Protein backbone atom coordinates (compact mmCIF):
# COMPACT_ATOMS: atom_id res chain seq x y z
CA MET A 1 -0.03 -0.03 -0.02
CA GLY A 2 1.66 3.18 -1.13
CA MET A 3 1.84 6.34 1.06
CA PRO A 4 -0.82 9.00 -0.09
CA VAL A 5 0.87 12.13 -1.54
CA GLU A 6 -0.60 15.25 -3.17
CA VAL A 7 0.86 15.80 -6.61
CA VAL A 8 0.55 18.66 -9.20
CA VAL A 9 0.93 17.93 -12.94
CA ALA A 10 3.92 19.84 -14.38
CA ARG A 11 2.59 21.93 -17.30
CA THR A 12 3.81 24.19 -19.98
CA ASP A 13 3.38 27.90 -19.88
CA THR A 14 4.74 31.10 -21.36
CA VAL A 15 7.49 32.58 -19.11
CA ARG A 16 9.44 35.75 -19.57
CA ASP A 17 12.96 36.69 -18.50
CA GLU A 18 12.59 40.17 -17.01
CA ILE A 19 14.87 42.83 -15.68
CA ALA A 20 13.46 45.15 -13.01
CA ALA A 21 14.55 48.79 -13.10
CA THR A 22 13.33 52.26 -12.01
CA GLY A 23 13.25 55.48 -14.02
CA GLN A 24 11.01 58.27 -15.05
CA ILE A 25 8.75 59.46 -17.82
CA GLU A 26 10.29 61.90 -20.40
CA ALA A 27 8.82 63.84 -23.27
CA VAL A 28 10.04 62.61 -26.70
CA GLN A 29 10.65 66.22 -27.52
CA SER A 30 10.80 69.16 -25.03
CA ILE A 31 12.16 72.72 -25.67
CA ASP A 32 12.15 76.16 -24.44
CA LEU A 33 11.00 78.28 -27.36
CA ARG A 34 12.85 81.45 -28.28
CA PRO A 35 12.09 84.10 -31.03
CA GLU A 36 14.14 84.48 -34.12
CA VAL A 37 13.80 88.20 -34.27
CA GLU A 38 13.84 90.86 -31.52
CA GLY A 39 11.01 93.29 -30.66
CA ARG A 40 8.04 93.74 -28.43
CA ILE A 41 5.53 90.99 -27.89
CA VAL A 42 2.24 92.49 -29.27
CA GLU A 43 0.07 89.25 -29.36
CA MET A 44 -0.09 86.11 -27.32
CA LEU A 45 -2.09 83.55 -29.30
CA ILE A 46 -2.10 80.55 -26.95
CA HIS A 47 -2.42 79.82 -23.18
CA GLU A 48 -0.51 77.57 -20.78
CA GLY A 49 -1.58 74.00 -20.99
CA GLN A 50 -3.09 74.15 -24.55
CA GLU A 51 -2.62 71.42 -26.97
CA VAL A 52 -1.18 72.82 -30.30
CA ASP A 53 -0.40 71.43 -33.81
CA GLN A 54 2.80 71.79 -35.69
CA GLY A 55 2.98 75.34 -37.14
CA THR A 56 0.31 76.80 -34.86
CA PRO A 57 1.00 80.54 -34.25
CA LEU A 58 2.07 81.10 -30.61
CA PHE A 59 3.32 84.64 -30.32
CA LYS A 60 3.44 87.80 -32.45
CA VAL A 61 6.34 90.13 -32.23
CA ASP A 62 5.86 93.79 -33.34
CA ASP A 63 6.63 93.86 -37.16
CA ALA A 64 5.93 97.61 -37.96
CA GLN A 65 9.61 98.46 -38.55
CA LEU A 66 10.23 95.28 -40.53
CA LYS A 67 7.15 95.86 -42.76
CA ALA A 68 8.52 99.34 -43.66
CA GLN A 69 11.90 97.96 -44.46
CA VAL A 70 10.39 95.20 -46.57
CA ALA A 71 8.37 97.87 -48.49
CA GLN A 72 11.45 99.98 -49.12
CA LEU A 73 13.41 96.90 -50.31
CA ALA A 74 10.57 95.79 -52.61
CA ALA A 75 10.80 99.37 -54.25
CA GLN A 76 14.53 98.98 -54.66
CA ARG A 77 14.10 95.54 -56.14
CA ASP A 78 11.55 96.98 -58.59
CA LEU A 79 13.93 99.80 -59.57
CA ALA A 80 16.81 97.22 -60.16
CA GLN A 81 14.48 95.07 -62.31
CA GLN A 82 13.55 98.04 -64.44
CA ALA A 83 17.19 99.03 -64.83
CA LEU A 84 17.94 95.45 -65.87
CA ALA A 85 15.21 95.46 -68.41
CA ARG A 86 16.67 98.81 -69.93
CA ALA A 87 20.13 97.28 -69.97
CA LYS A 88 18.94 94.25 -71.93
CA ALA A 89 17.23 96.44 -74.45
CA LEU A 90 20.27 98.50 -74.96
CA ALA A 91 22.49 95.40 -75.26
CA GLN A 92 20.24 94.05 -78.07
CA GLU A 93 20.73 97.29 -79.90
CA ASN A 94 24.53 97.07 -79.30
CA ALA A 95 24.15 100.51 -77.46
CA SER A 96 25.76 99.26 -74.24
CA SER A 97 28.64 97.16 -73.21
CA ALA A 98 28.45 93.56 -71.74
CA ALA A 99 29.96 94.89 -68.56
CA ASP A 100 26.97 97.23 -68.10
CA LEU A 101 24.48 94.35 -68.53
CA GLU A 102 26.37 92.18 -66.00
CA GLN A 103 26.36 95.11 -63.55
CA ALA A 104 22.57 95.51 -64.03
CA GLU A 105 22.09 91.72 -63.51
CA ALA A 106 24.12 91.57 -60.33
CA SER A 107 22.26 94.66 -58.86
CA ALA A 108 18.79 93.05 -59.52
CA ARG A 109 20.00 89.74 -57.93
CA SER A 110 21.35 91.69 -54.84
CA ALA A 111 18.15 93.69 -54.46
CA GLN A 112 16.10 90.58 -54.68
CA ALA A 113 18.23 88.76 -52.10
CA GLN A 114 17.96 91.66 -49.60
CA PHE A 115 14.23 91.67 -50.16
CA ASP A 116 13.85 87.90 -49.62
CA LEU A 117 16.09 88.01 -46.46
CA GLN A 118 14.04 90.86 -44.74
CA ASN A 119 10.86 89.15 -45.89
CA ILE A 120 11.89 86.00 -44.04
CA ARG A 121 12.61 88.00 -40.94
CA LEU A 122 9.11 89.57 -41.17
CA GLU A 123 7.53 86.16 -41.39
CA ARG A 124 9.44 85.06 -38.40
CA THR A 125 7.80 87.83 -36.26
CA THR A 126 5.08 85.17 -35.94
CA VAL A 127 6.58 82.51 -33.55
CA ARG A 128 5.05 79.07 -34.45
CA ALA A 129 5.21 75.64 -32.78
CA PRO A 130 7.99 73.53 -34.29
CA PHE A 131 6.09 70.30 -33.44
CA ALA A 132 2.73 69.26 -32.00
CA GLY A 133 2.52 69.20 -28.22
CA VAL A 134 1.26 70.82 -25.10
CA VAL A 135 2.23 74.41 -24.18
CA GLY A 136 4.01 74.48 -20.82
CA GLN A 137 5.05 77.37 -18.67
CA ARG A 138 5.10 80.88 -20.25
CA TYR A 139 7.96 83.10 -19.44
CA VAL A 140 6.94 86.38 -21.13
CA SER A 141 3.97 88.76 -20.92
CA LEU A 142 2.30 91.14 -23.48
CA GLY A 143 4.45 94.06 -24.07
CA ASP A 144 7.86 92.48 -23.05
CA TYR A 145 10.71 93.31 -25.31
CA VAL A 146 12.42 90.04 -26.39
CA ASN A 147 15.56 89.18 -28.34
CA THR A 148 16.86 85.67 -29.69
CA ASP A 149 18.06 84.72 -26.10
CA THR A 150 14.67 85.30 -24.53
CA LYS A 151 12.73 82.15 -23.50
CA LEU A 152 9.03 82.56 -24.51
CA VAL A 153 7.37 79.32 -23.39
CA SER A 154 8.11 75.59 -23.01
CA LEU A 155 6.67 73.12 -25.39
CA HIS A 156 6.42 69.32 -24.86
CA THR A 157 5.26 66.26 -26.87
CA VAL A 158 2.50 64.25 -25.08
CA ASN A 159 1.78 61.23 -27.21
CA PRO A 160 3.76 59.05 -27.27
CA GLN A 161 5.82 59.57 -24.16
CA ARG A 162 9.13 57.93 -23.33
CA ALA A 163 10.01 55.73 -20.31
CA ALA A 164 13.66 56.06 -19.39
CA PHE A 165 15.29 53.82 -16.90
CA GLN A 166 18.86 52.45 -15.90
CA VAL A 167 19.75 48.81 -16.29
CA PRO A 168 22.74 47.21 -14.62
CA GLU A 169 25.76 46.79 -16.87
CA LYS A 170 25.69 42.89 -16.45
CA PHE A 171 22.54 42.82 -18.65
CA ALA A 172 24.25 44.64 -21.54
CA ARG A 173 24.17 41.70 -23.96
CA GLN A 174 20.51 41.09 -23.37
CA LEU A 175 19.29 44.66 -24.40
CA ARG A 176 18.09 45.58 -27.85
CA PRO A 177 15.54 47.82 -29.45
CA GLY A 178 12.12 46.35 -29.95
CA GLN A 179 11.97 44.58 -26.63
CA ALA A 180 8.77 44.93 -24.60
CA VAL A 181 8.63 46.95 -21.42
CA THR A 182 5.84 47.00 -18.83
CA PHE A 183 5.85 49.52 -15.88
CA ARG A 184 3.86 50.94 -13.17
CA VAL A 185 3.64 54.55 -12.25
CA ALA A 186 3.60 55.62 -8.49
CA ALA A 187 1.18 58.43 -9.27
CA ILE A 188 -1.31 56.14 -11.15
CA PRO A 189 -1.98 53.06 -8.87
CA GLY A 190 -3.60 49.98 -10.42
CA ARG A 191 -2.62 50.71 -14.06
CA GLU A 192 0.14 48.96 -16.05
CA PHE A 193 1.57 50.58 -19.08
CA THR A 194 3.47 48.85 -22.01
CA GLY A 195 6.00 50.25 -24.46
CA GLU A 196 8.66 49.17 -26.78
CA VAL A 197 12.50 49.88 -26.46
CA ASP A 198 13.64 52.33 -29.06
CA PHE A 199 17.03 53.28 -27.63
CA VAL A 200 19.80 51.49 -25.76
CA ASP A 201 22.69 53.74 -24.76
CA PRO A 202 25.95 52.34 -26.21
CA VAL A 203 27.88 54.01 -23.25
CA VAL A 204 27.93 52.56 -19.67
CA GLN A 205 27.27 55.35 -17.23
CA LEU A 206 29.38 55.81 -14.09
CA PRO A 207 29.47 55.70 -11.08
CA GLY A 208 26.70 53.09 -10.99
CA ARG A 209 27.84 51.13 -14.13
CA THR A 210 24.34 51.28 -15.66
CA ILE A 211 22.96 51.53 -19.17
CA MET A 212 20.28 54.08 -20.11
CA VAL A 213 17.34 52.41 -21.85
CA LYS A 214 14.38 54.35 -23.38
CA ALA A 215 11.03 53.02 -24.56
CA ARG A 216 8.32 54.69 -26.47
CA VAL A 217 4.96 54.42 -24.78
CA PRO A 218 1.51 55.33 -26.29
CA ASN A 219 -0.25 58.04 -24.27
CA PRO A 220 -3.59 58.69 -25.80
CA ALA A 221 -5.29 59.47 -22.51
CA ARG A 222 -2.57 61.92 -21.44
CA LEU A 223 -2.06 60.08 -18.18
CA LEU A 224 1.70 59.93 -18.40
CA GLN A 225 3.53 63.18 -17.58
CA PRO A 226 7.20 64.00 -17.82
CA GLY A 227 9.04 63.49 -14.45
CA MET A 228 6.74 60.64 -13.15
CA PHE A 229 8.57 57.93 -11.24
CA ILE A 230 8.24 54.40 -12.78
CA GLU A 231 9.08 50.86 -11.87
CA ALA A 232 9.67 48.97 -15.11
CA ARG A 233 10.20 45.35 -16.15
CA LEU A 234 12.07 44.78 -19.41
CA VAL A 235 11.27 41.47 -21.18
CA THR A 236 14.59 40.05 -22.51
CA ALA A 237 13.34 36.59 -23.64
CA VAL A 238 10.03 34.79 -23.96
CA ARG A 239 9.75 31.02 -23.77
CA PRO A 240 6.19 29.86 -24.76
CA GLN A 241 6.78 26.10 -23.95
CA ALA A 242 8.48 26.36 -20.54
CA VAL A 243 7.86 23.62 -17.97
CA VAL A 244 6.31 25.13 -14.77
CA ILE A 245 5.73 23.51 -11.37
CA PRO A 246 4.49 24.86 -8.00
CA GLU A 247 7.30 26.50 -5.85
CA ASP A 248 6.57 24.27 -2.82
CA ALA A 249 7.45 21.12 -4.86
CA VAL A 250 11.18 22.19 -4.81
CA VAL A 251 13.32 20.87 -2.02
CA PRO A 252 16.67 22.70 -1.46
CA ALA A 253 19.47 20.33 -0.40
CA GLU A 254 23.20 20.12 -0.72
CA GLY A 255 23.38 23.42 -2.46
CA SER A 256 21.05 22.28 -5.26
CA SER A 257 17.31 21.93 -5.90
CA PHE A 258 15.42 18.78 -6.03
CA VAL A 259 11.82 17.60 -6.68
CA TRP A 260 10.00 14.31 -6.02
CA VAL A 261 8.26 12.78 -9.05
CA ALA A 262 5.52 10.12 -8.67
CA THR A 263 6.02 7.74 -11.54
CA GLY A 264 4.84 4.21 -11.93
CA GLY A 265 3.49 4.37 -8.24
CA LYS A 266 6.88 5.14 -6.86
CA ALA A 267 8.68 8.24 -5.72
CA ASP A 268 11.63 9.38 -7.82
CA ARG A 269 13.95 12.20 -6.55
CA ARG A 270 15.23 14.43 -9.36
CA LYS A 271 17.78 17.22 -9.31
CA VAL A 272 16.47 20.32 -11.22
CA SER A 273 17.73 23.63 -12.45
CA LEU A 274 15.33 26.54 -11.78
CA GLY A 275 14.44 29.48 -14.10
CA VAL A 276 11.95 32.26 -13.85
CA ARG A 277 9.88 32.51 -10.73
CA THR A 278 6.29 33.78 -10.84
CA PRO A 279 3.94 34.02 -7.83
CA GLY A 280 3.61 30.44 -6.40
CA PHE A 281 5.33 28.79 -9.36
CA VAL A 282 8.86 28.30 -10.81
CA GLU A 283 10.17 27.27 -14.20
CA VAL A 284 12.13 23.97 -14.46
CA LEU A 285 14.95 24.08 -17.04
CA ASP A 286 15.73 20.34 -16.73
CA GLY A 287 14.83 17.34 -14.67
CA VAL A 288 11.08 17.30 -15.18
CA LYS A 289 8.94 17.06 -18.29
CA ALA A 290 5.44 18.51 -18.82
CA GLY A 291 2.76 16.01 -17.76
CA GLU A 292 4.80 14.42 -14.99
CA GLN A 293 3.34 14.44 -11.43
CA VAL A 294 5.51 16.35 -8.91
CA VAL A 295 4.80 15.90 -5.17
CA THR A 296 3.77 18.86 -3.21
CA GLY A 297 2.25 17.32 0.00
CA GLY A 298 4.04 14.55 2.11
CA LEU A 299 7.54 15.44 0.74
CA GLU A 300 9.33 15.02 4.17
CA LEU A 301 8.40 11.30 4.48
CA LEU A 302 9.53 10.21 0.94
CA ALA A 303 12.48 8.04 0.09
CA PRO A 304 13.76 7.05 -3.36
CA GLY A 305 11.63 4.22 -4.78
CA ALA A 306 9.12 4.35 -1.98
CA PRO A 307 5.56 3.25 -3.19
CA VAL A 308 3.15 6.32 -3.31
CA MET A 309 -0.60 6.81 -4.01
CA PRO A 310 -0.69 10.09 -5.83
CA LYS A 311 -3.82 12.48 -5.44
CA VAL A 312 -3.76 15.11 -8.15
CA VAL A 313 -4.63 18.59 -6.97
CA GLU A 314 -5.30 21.69 -9.07
CA ARG A 315 -3.25 24.76 -8.88
CA ARG A 316 -4.42 28.08 -10.50
CA PRO A 317 -1.72 29.14 -13.03
CA PRO A 318 -0.08 32.45 -12.45
CA SER A 319 -1.51 33.87 -15.70
CA ALA A 320 -5.14 33.07 -14.63
CA PRO A 321 -7.10 35.96 -13.02
CA ALA A 322 -7.56 35.97 -9.38
CA PRO A 323 -11.12 35.19 -8.20
CA ALA A 324 -13.13 38.35 -7.25
CA ALA A 325 -13.41 39.24 -3.61
CA ALA A 326 -16.71 38.43 -2.04
CA ASP A 327 -17.30 41.95 -0.89
CA GLY A 328 -17.19 43.33 -4.40
CA HIS A 329 -14.03 45.45 -3.92
């Protein structure tokens, strides 16, 4: 008569090698916008916190003086064009030299170039958003005199955002773009976010000997804000056919790990190598195959070859959802 023991069937499941890391949310692009011409702010076309598209007008710098200069240069350009037309007519009649024609052409080109240059400066009195994003802090007020060093406003992208975190140097060979990242944000409990690695720093940073990794994260609901603290898990490998057993089936002994397997009505002691742990379960890299019965109850009384009466018990896999609490919370 064999000894009754509880057994759980070893099964296959998808396991993931993960690296835990901490970091923060960053904007993909973030700048302090400055004007390209100097003058007085005469219009503010946006407010702090507003979402803007690329090219949206944000500020208007006084352009009265530049408009007058552009008008003056337009008149000079027209005069130079007229002089060039006369020089061409005279050249056709052989009434002027080639040098006179070349001089007239050069003067017309110079007048056009001066007009174009000042016209560009006139257009730049309207300060526009260089990319789509959210307007941050405004640094100037209506009537302020600004130059090309004056900060006007901050502008940040919002969707997607970037999750940036530090990974210890020992994992360097396991990092590559395209890997999946899941993370939680201290400021948003109960939510898990996912992203994809798009940058692995080729330089190890001192003094901590860490590697900066950044992942692009969709942010359609605008929940993720730059500066938020995150706890991330980077998936470095996925094994869809891994053998998984309950953690309490593993017996540590002599610096190794062992499990008891009920096979043919007898107890068989196997040495195993362990892989990834999930709550209540552990991956077995060798020593046990899927479908074999590993003993979880009555371990301490077993001996190699001892007759056993296995009673199969169910264990909920780590990927299954937890049963809902009775109180509805």
